[in-house]
Amino acid sequence: MPGTEAVSVRDIQDAAAQIKGVAHRTPVLRSRTLDDMVGAEVFVKCENFQLIGAFKFRGAYNAASRLSTEQVSKGIAAYLW
């Protein structure tokens, strides 16, 4: 299935370097109520705190910033459903 390739630690490090200084560092929060509901510790990454309020900003920026000048000249479209 396309898009199911394994992601390596190096891939994550490369992406982190690519978005450094662009993406807002968002907190990881905990909720005792949520922990109790599921019977485990749950960590919630608050991407809704991104300055533009977008959950997919990190991945979208990482992908778009790696496009060639020719690819960018054709435009970039995003869709939220």
PDB file of N, CA and C in Angstrom:
ATOM      1  N   MET A   1       0.845  -1.169   0.000  1.00  0.00           N
ATOM      2  CA  MET A   1       0.000   0.000   0.000  1.00  0.00           C
ATOM      3  C   MET A   1       0.898   1.243   0.000  1.00  0.00           C
ATOM      4  N   PRO A   2       0.665   2.187  -0.920  1.00  0.00           N
ATOM      5  CA  PRO A   2       1.476   3.407  -0.964  1.00  0.00           C
ATOM      6  C   PRO A   2       1.352   4.194   0.341  1.00  0.00           C
ATOM      7  N   GLY A   3       2.449   4.795   0.741  1.00  0.00           N
ATOM      8  CA  GLY A   3       2.432   5.618   1.949  1.00  0.00           C
ATOM      9  C   GLY A   3       2.617   4.841   3.230  1.00  0.00           C
ATOM     10  N   THR A   4       2.917   3.554   3.128  1.00  0.00           N
ATOM     11  CA  THR A   4       3.094   2.748   4.336  1.00  0.00           C
ATOM     12  C   THR A   4       4.546   2.318   4.516  1.00  0.00           C
ATOM     13  N   GLU A   5       5.458   3.026   3.863  1.00  0.00           N
ATOM     14  CA  GLU A   5       6.870   2.702   3.988  1.00  0.00           C
ATOM     15  C   GLU A   5       7.313   2.943   5.432  1.00  0.00           C
ATOM     16  N   ALA A   6       8.267   2.146   5.886  1.00  0.00           N
ATOM     17  CA  ALA A   6       8.780   2.303   7.241  1.00  0.00           C
ATOM     18  C   ALA A   6       9.489   3.649   7.373  1.00  0.00           C
ATOM     19  N   VAL A   7       9.310   4.273   8.517  1.00  0.00           N
ATOM     20  CA  VAL A   7       9.968   5.538   8.822  1.00  0.00           C
ATOM     21  C   VAL A   7      11.112   5.234   9.775  1.00  0.00           C
ATOM     22  N   SER A   8      12.298   5.677   9.416  1.00  0.00           N
ATOM     23  CA  SER A   8      13.470   5.419  10.245  1.00  0.00           C
ATOM     24  C   SER A   8      13.703   6.570  11.224  1.00  0.00           C
ATOM     25  N   VAL A   9      14.537   6.321  12.205  1.00  0.00           N
ATOM     26  CA  VAL A   9      14.926   7.374  13.143  1.00  0.00           C
ATOM     27  C   VAL A   9      15.596   8.503  12.362  1.00  0.00           C
ATOM     28  N   ARG A  10      16.389   8.154  11.363  1.00  0.00           N
ATOM     29  CA  ARG A  10      17.059   9.171  10.541  1.00  0.00           C
ATOM     30  C   ARG A  10      16.046  10.033   9.797  1.00  0.00           C
ATOM     31  N   ASP A  11      14.952   9.413   9.301  1.00  0.00           N
ATOM     32  CA  ASP A  11      13.890  10.173   8.633  1.00  0.00           C
ATOM     33  C   ASP A  11      13.305  11.219   9.583  1.00  0.00           C
ATOM     34  N   ILE A  12      13.080  10.814  10.817  1.00  0.00           N
ATOM     35  CA  ILE A  12      12.511  11.718  11.820  1.00  0.00           C
ATOM     36  C   ILE A  12      13.495  12.839  12.146  1.00  0.00           C
ATOM     37  N   GLN A  13      14.766  12.494  12.274  1.00  0.00           N
ATOM     38  CA  GLN A  13      15.784  13.509  12.547  1.00  0.00           C
ATOM     39  C   GLN A  13      15.897  14.498  11.388  1.00  0.00           C
ATOM     40  N   ASP A  14      15.860  14.002  10.164  1.00  0.00           N
ATOM     41  CA  ASP A  14      15.919  14.878   8.985  1.00  0.00           C
ATOM     42  C   ASP A  14      14.713  15.818   8.939  1.00  0.00           C
ATOM     43  N   ALA A  15      13.536  15.289   9.222  1.00  0.00           N
ATOM     44  CA  ALA A  15      12.323  16.114   9.218  1.00  0.00           C
ATOM     45  C   ALA A  15      12.396  17.173  10.318  1.00  0.00           C
ATOM     46  N   ALA A  16      12.878  16.797  11.490  1.00  0.00           N
ATOM     47  CA  ALA A  16      13.008  17.752  12.603  1.00  0.00           C
ATOM     48  C   ALA A  16      13.954  18.889  12.218  1.00  0.00           C
ATOM     49  N   ALA A  17      15.049  18.554  11.558  1.00  0.00           N
ATOM     50  CA  ALA A  17      15.999  19.583  11.124  1.00  0.00           C
ATOM     51  C   ALA A  17      15.362  20.485  10.065  1.00  0.00           C
ATOM     52  N   GLN A  18      14.553  19.906   9.185  1.00  0.00           N
ATOM     53  CA  GLN A  18      13.926  20.664   8.097  1.00  0.00           C
ATOM     54  C   GLN A  18      12.931  21.692   8.628  1.00  0.00           C
ATOM     55  N   ILE A  19      12.196  21.371   9.678  1.00  0.00           N
ATOM     56  CA  ILE A  19      11.159  22.282  10.181  1.00  0.00           C
ATOM     57  C   ILE A  19      11.627  23.136  11.352  1.00  0.00           C
ATOM     58  N   LYS A  20      12.868  22.925  11.796  1.00  0.00           N
ATOM     59  CA  LYS A  20      13.371  23.683  12.940  1.00  0.00           C
ATOM     60  C   LYS A  20      13.289  25.184  12.659  1.00  0.00           C
ATOM     61  N   GLY A  21      12.751  25.907  13.608  1.00  0.00           N
ATOM     62  CA  GLY A  21      12.621  27.344  13.471  1.00  0.00           C
ATOM     63  C   GLY A  21      11.394  27.785  12.701  1.00  0.00           C
ATOM     64  N   VAL A  22      10.621  26.828  12.172  1.00  0.00           N
ATOM     65  CA  VAL A  22       9.414  27.155  11.423  1.00  0.00           C
ATOM     66  C   VAL A  22       8.177  26.711  12.203  1.00  0.00           C
ATOM     67  N   ALA A  23       8.182  25.461  12.634  1.00  0.00           N
ATOM     68  CA  ALA A  23       7.053  24.943  13.409  1.00  0.00           C
ATOM     69  C   ALA A  23       7.178  25.403  14.856  1.00  0.00           C
ATOM     70  N   HIS A  24       6.061  25.757  15.432  1.00  0.00           N
ATOM     71  CA  HIS A  24       6.008  26.144  16.833  1.00  0.00           C
ATOM     72  C   HIS A  24       6.135  24.878  17.687  1.00  0.00           C
ATOM     73  N   ARG A  25       6.952  24.924  18.721  1.00  0.00           N
ATOM     74  CA  ARG A  25       7.085  23.762  19.616  1.00  0.00           C
ATOM     75  C   ARG A  25       5.825  23.674  20.467  1.00  0.00           C
ATOM     76  N   THR A  26       5.094  22.595  20.307  1.00  0.00           N
ATOM     77  CA  THR A  26       3.825  22.431  21.018  1.00  0.00           C
ATOM     78  C   THR A  26       4.008  21.486  22.199  1.00  0.00           C
ATOM     79  N   PRO A  27       3.205  21.688  23.244  1.00  0.00           N
ATOM     80  CA  PRO A  27       3.370  20.872  24.442  1.00  0.00           C
ATOM     81  C   PRO A  27       2.763  19.478  24.314  1.00  0.00           C
ATOM     82  N   VAL A  28       3.232  18.600  25.166  1.00  0.00           N
ATOM     83  CA  VAL A  28       2.622  17.288  25.360  1.00  0.00           C
ATOM     84  C   VAL A  28       1.944  17.356  26.725  1.00  0.00           C
ATOM     85  N   LEU A  29       0.659  17.094  26.750  1.00  0.00           N
ATOM     86  CA  LEU A  29      -0.104  17.199  27.991  1.00  0.00           C
ATOM     87  C   LEU A  29      -0.631  15.842  28.424  1.00  0.00           C
ATOM     88  N   ARG A  30      -0.993  15.761  29.683  1.00  0.00           N
ATOM     89  CA  ARG A  30      -1.595  14.549  30.248  1.00  0.00           C
ATOM     90  C   ARG A  30      -2.935  14.930  30.874  1.00  0.00           C
ATOM     91  N   SER A  31      -3.805  13.945  30.988  1.00  0.00           N
ATOM     92  CA  SER A  31      -5.099  14.130  31.636  1.00  0.00           C
ATOM     93  C   SER A  31      -5.359  12.925  32.528  1.00  0.00           C
ATOM     94  N   ARG A  32      -5.481  13.170  33.818  1.00  0.00           N
ATOM     95  CA  ARG A  32      -5.794  12.052  34.729  1.00  0.00           C
ATOM     96  C   ARG A  32      -7.131  11.424  34.373  1.00  0.00           C
ATOM     97  N   THR A  33      -8.096  12.249  33.961  1.00  0.00           N
ATOM     98  CA  THR A  33      -9.406  11.731  33.578  1.00  0.00           C
ATOM     99  C   THR A  33      -9.278  10.782  32.388  1.00  0.00           C
ATOM    100  N   LEU A  34      -8.548  11.195  31.376  1.00  0.00           N
ATOM    101  CA  LEU A  34      -8.348  10.343  30.202  1.00  0.00           C
ATOM    102  C   LEU A  34      -7.576   9.080  30.569  1.00  0.00           C
ATOM    103  N   ASP A  35      -6.539   9.217  31.392  1.00  0.00           N
ATOM    104  CA  ASP A  35      -5.799   8.043  31.869  1.00  0.00           C
ATOM    105  C   ASP A  35      -6.734   7.050  32.545  1.00  0.00           C
ATOM    106  N   ASP A  36      -7.587   7.564  33.425  1.00  0.00           N
ATOM    107  CA  ASP A  36      -8.531   6.694  34.143  1.00  0.00           C
ATOM    108  C   ASP A  36      -9.525   6.028  33.197  1.00  0.00           C
ATOM    109  N   MET A  37      -9.958   6.762  32.177  1.00  0.00           N
ATOM    110  CA  MET A  37     -10.930   6.209  31.231  1.00  0.00           C
ATOM    111  C   MET A  37     -10.368   5.034  30.448  1.00  0.00           C
ATOM    112  N   VAL A  38      -9.087   5.106  30.079  1.00  0.00           N
ATOM    113  CA  VAL A  38      -8.505   4.055  29.250  1.00  0.00           C
ATOM    114  C   VAL A  38      -7.628   3.088  30.030  1.00  0.00           C
ATOM    115  N   GLY A  39      -7.382   3.397  31.299  1.00  0.00           N
ATOM    116  CA  GLY A  39      -6.568   2.510  32.122  1.00  0.00           C
ATOM    117  C   GLY A  39      -5.097   2.503  31.743  1.00  0.00           C
ATOM    118  N   ALA A  40      -4.622   3.623  31.244  1.00  0.00           N
ATOM    119  CA  ALA A  40      -3.216   3.741  30.840  1.00  0.00           C
ATOM    120  C   ALA A  40      -2.823   5.210  30.860  1.00  0.00           C
ATOM    121  N   GLU A  41      -1.519   5.461  30.789  1.00  0.00           N
ATOM    122  CA  GLU A  41      -1.055   6.837  30.670  1.00  0.00           C
ATOM    123  C   GLU A  41      -1.197   7.275  29.217  1.00  0.00           C
ATOM    124  N   VAL A  42      -1.863   8.388  29.009  1.00  0.00           N
ATOM    125  CA  VAL A  42      -2.078   8.910  27.664  1.00  0.00           C
ATOM    126  C   VAL A  42      -1.367  10.260  27.560  1.00  0.00           C
ATOM    127  N   PHE A  43      -0.572  10.410  26.530  1.00  0.00           N
ATOM    128  CA  PHE A  43       0.136  11.659  26.276  1.00  0.00           C
ATOM    129  C   PHE A  43      -0.480  12.279  25.033  1.00  0.00           C
ATOM    130  N   VAL A  44      -0.898  13.540  25.125  1.00  0.00           N
ATOM    131  CA  VAL A  44      -1.583  14.210  24.036  1.00  0.00           C
ATOM    132  C   VAL A  44      -0.672  15.312  23.489  1.00  0.00           C
ATOM    133  N   LYS A  45      -0.302  15.207  22.221  1.00  0.00           N
ATOM    134  CA  LYS A  45       0.532  16.219  21.569  1.00  0.00           C
ATOM    135  C   LYS A  45      -0.390  17.291  21.017  1.00  0.00           C
ATOM    136  N   CYS A  46      -0.263  18.481  21.501  1.00  0.00           N
ATOM    137  CA  CYS A  46      -1.212  19.565  21.204  1.00  0.00           C
ATOM    138  C   CYS A  46      -0.841  20.333  19.937  1.00  0.00           C
ATOM    139  N   GLU A  47      -0.982  19.693  18.797  1.00  0.00           N
ATOM    140  CA  GLU A  47      -0.665  20.343  17.532  1.00  0.00           C
ATOM    141  C   GLU A  47      -1.651  21.449  17.199  1.00  0.00           C
ATOM    142  N   ASN A  48      -2.817  21.452  17.852  1.00  0.00           N
ATOM    143  CA  ASN A  48      -3.756  22.547  17.641  1.00  0.00           C
ATOM    144  C   ASN A  48      -3.199  23.865  18.178  1.00  0.00           C
ATOM    145  N   PHE A  49      -2.082  23.813  18.910  1.00  0.00           N
ATOM    146  CA  PHE A  49      -1.421  25.026  19.389  1.00  0.00           C
ATOM    147  C   PHE A  49      -0.440  25.588  18.371  1.00  0.00           C
ATOM    148  N   GLN A  50      -0.323  24.949  17.207  1.00  0.00           N
ATOM    149  CA  GLN A  50       0.511  25.536  16.153  1.00  0.00           C
ATOM    150  C   GLN A  50      -0.004  26.944  15.885  1.00  0.00           C
ATOM    151  N   LEU A  51       0.875  27.840  15.526  1.00  0.00           N
ATOM    152  CA  LEU A  51       0.486  29.237  15.324  1.00  0.00           C
ATOM    153  C   LEU A  51      -0.630  29.387  14.300  1.00  0.00           C
ATOM    154  N   ILE A  52      -0.708  28.486  13.316  1.00  0.00           N
ATOM    155  CA  ILE A  52      -1.785  28.550  12.333  1.00  0.00           C
ATOM    156  C   ILE A  52      -2.925  27.602  12.688  1.00  0.00           C
ATOM    157  N   GLY A  53      -2.820  26.909  13.809  1.00  0.00           N
ATOM    158  CA  GLY A  53      -3.887  26.028  14.265  1.00  0.00           C
ATOM    159  C   GLY A  53      -4.034  24.750  13.474  1.00  0.00           C
ATOM    160  N   ALA A  54      -3.011  24.360  12.740  1.00  0.00           N
ATOM    161  CA  ALA A  54      -3.109  23.203  11.860  1.00  0.00           C
ATOM    162  C   ALA A  54      -2.475  21.968  12.484  1.00  0.00           C
ATOM    163  N   PHE A  55      -3.176  20.858  12.435  1.00  0.00           N
ATOM    164  CA  PHE A  55      -2.667  19.605  12.961  1.00  0.00           C
ATOM    165  C   PHE A  55      -1.591  19.000  12.068  1.00  0.00           C
ATOM    166  N   LYS A  56      -1.642  19.241  10.785  1.00  0.00           N
ATOM    167  CA  LYS A  56      -0.735  18.586   9.840  1.00  0.00           C
ATOM    168  C   LYS A  56       0.362  19.512   9.341  1.00  0.00           C
ATOM    169  N   PHE A  57       0.600  20.606  10.045  1.00  0.00           N
ATOM    170  CA  PHE A  57       1.577  21.589   9.587  1.00  0.00           C
ATOM    171  C   PHE A  57       2.971  21.002   9.438  1.00  0.00           C
ATOM    172  N   ARG A  58       3.430  20.233  10.421  1.00  0.00           N
ATOM    173  CA  ARG A  58       4.795  19.719  10.394  1.00  0.00           C
ATOM    174  C   ARG A  58       5.059  18.872   9.140  1.00  0.00           C
ATOM    175  N   GLY A  59       4.195  17.918   8.883  1.00  0.00           N
ATOM    176  CA  GLY A  59       4.380  17.043   7.722  1.00  0.00           C
ATOM    177  C   GLY A  59       4.207  17.788   6.412  1.00  0.00           C
ATOM    178  N   ALA A  60       3.227  18.678   6.357  1.00  0.00           N
ATOM    179  CA  ALA A  60       2.997  19.435   5.122  1.00  0.00           C
ATOM    180  C   ALA A  60       4.180  20.353   4.825  1.00  0.00           C
ATOM    181  N   TYR A  61       4.672  21.044   5.843  1.00  0.00           N
ATOM    182  CA  TYR A  61       5.816  21.930   5.624  1.00  0.00           C
ATOM    183  C   TYR A  61       7.050  21.125   5.229  1.00  0.00           C
ATOM    184  N   ASN A  62       7.273  20.016   5.908  1.00  0.00           N
ATOM    185  CA  ASN A  62       8.432  19.173   5.595  1.00  0.00           C
ATOM    186  C   ASN A  62       8.380  18.720   4.139  1.00  0.00           C
ATOM    187  N   ALA A  63       7.222  18.258   3.690  1.00  0.00           N
ATOM    188  CA  ALA A  63       7.088  17.788   2.305  1.00  0.00           C
ATOM    189  C   ALA A  63       7.220  18.944   1.314  1.00  0.00           C
ATOM    190  N   ALA A  64       6.531  20.048   1.559  1.00  0.00           N
ATOM    191  CA  ALA A  64       6.538  21.169   0.621  1.00  0.00           C
ATOM    192  C   ALA A  64       7.920  21.807   0.522  1.00  0.00           C
ATOM    193  N   SER A  65       8.629  21.871   1.634  1.00  0.00           N
ATOM    194  CA  SER A  65       9.942  22.526   1.621  1.00  0.00           C
ATOM    195  C   SER A  65      10.998  21.711   0.887  1.00  0.00           C
ATOM    196  N   ARG A  66      10.701  20.467   0.588  1.00  0.00           N
ATOM    197  CA  ARG A  66      11.645  19.607  -0.137  1.00  0.00           C
ATOM    198  C   ARG A  66      11.352  19.546  -1.641  1.00  0.00           C
ATOM    199  N   LEU A  67      10.311  20.246  -2.082  1.00  0.00           N
ATOM    200  CA  LEU A  67       9.978  20.253  -3.505  1.00  0.00           C
ATOM    201  C   LEU A  67      10.991  21.088  -4.280  1.00  0.00           C
ATOM    202  N   SER A  68      11.191  20.722  -5.529  1.00  0.00           N
ATOM    203  CA  SER A  68      12.079  21.492  -6.396  1.00  0.00           C
ATOM    204  C   SER A  68      11.378  22.786  -6.806  1.00  0.00           C
ATOM    205  N   THR A  69      12.162  23.723  -7.332  1.00  0.00           N
ATOM    206  CA  THR A  69      11.603  24.987  -7.818  1.00  0.00           C
ATOM    207  C   THR A  69      10.566  24.715  -8.905  1.00  0.00           C
ATOM    208  N   GLU A  70      10.858  23.745  -9.767  1.00  0.00           N
ATOM    209  CA  GLU A  70       9.910  23.395 -10.839  1.00  0.00           C
ATOM    210  C   GLU A  70       8.599  22.857 -10.257  1.00  0.00           C
ATOM    211  N   GLN A  71       8.696  22.001  -9.256  1.00  0.00           N
ATOM    212  CA  GLN A  71       7.490  21.459  -8.640  1.00  0.00           C
ATOM    213  C   GLN A  71       6.680  22.556  -7.958  1.00  0.00           C
ATOM    214  N   VAL A  72       7.347  23.445  -7.241  1.00  0.00           N
ATOM    215  CA  VAL A  72       6.651  24.530  -6.548  1.00  0.00           C
ATOM    216  C   VAL A  72       5.976  25.464  -7.549  1.00  0.00           C
ATOM    217  N   SER A  73       6.609  25.678  -8.696  1.00  0.00           N
ATOM    218  CA  SER A  73       6.038  26.581  -9.699  1.00  0.00           C
ATOM    219  C   SER A  73       4.685  26.086 -10.213  1.00  0.00           C
ATOM    220  N   LYS A  74       4.408  24.791 -10.056  1.00  0.00           N
ATOM    221  CA  LYS A  74       3.133  24.226 -10.482  1.00  0.00           C
ATOM    222  C   LYS A  74       2.043  24.424  -9.428  1.00  0.00           C
ATOM    223  N   GLY A  75       2.469  24.870  -8.227  1.00  0.00           N
ATOM    224  CA  GLY A  75       1.509  25.162  -7.160  1.00  0.00           C
ATOM    225  C   GLY A  75       1.420  24.044  -6.147  1.00  0.00           C
ATOM    226  N   ILE A  76       0.924  24.414  -4.986  1.00  0.00           N
ATOM    227  CA  ILE A  76       0.725  23.464  -3.893  1.00  0.00           C
ATOM    228  C   ILE A  76      -0.721  23.640  -3.427  1.00  0.00           C
ATOM    229  N   ALA A  77      -1.424  22.537  -3.319  1.00  0.00           N
ATOM    230  CA  ALA A  77      -2.815  22.583  -2.851  1.00  0.00           C
ATOM    231  C   ALA A  77      -2.916  21.738  -1.590  1.00  0.00           C
ATOM    232  N   ALA A  78      -3.726  22.207  -0.666  1.00  0.00           N
ATOM    233  CA  ALA A  78      -3.988  21.458   0.574  1.00  0.00           C
ATOM    234  C   ALA A  78      -5.485  21.339   0.768  1.00  0.00           C
ATOM    235  N   TYR A  79      -5.891  20.250   1.359  1.00  0.00           N
ATOM    236  CA  TYR A  79      -7.315  20.008   1.561  1.00  0.00           C
ATOM    237  C   TYR A  79      -7.534  19.494   2.973  1.00  0.00           C
ATOM    238  N   LEU A  80      -8.458  20.070   3.655  1.00  0.00           N
ATOM    239  CA  LEU A  80      -8.818  19.646   5.012  1.00  0.00           C
ATOM    240  C   LEU A  80     -10.251  19.152   4.966  1.00  0.00           C
ATOM    241  N   TRP A  81     -10.448  17.925   5.427  1.00  0.00           N
ATOM    242  CA  TRP A  81     -11.824  17.397   5.453  1.00  0.00           C
ATOM    243  C   TRP A  81     -12.204  16.961   6.813  1.00  0.00           C
TER     244      TRP A  81
END
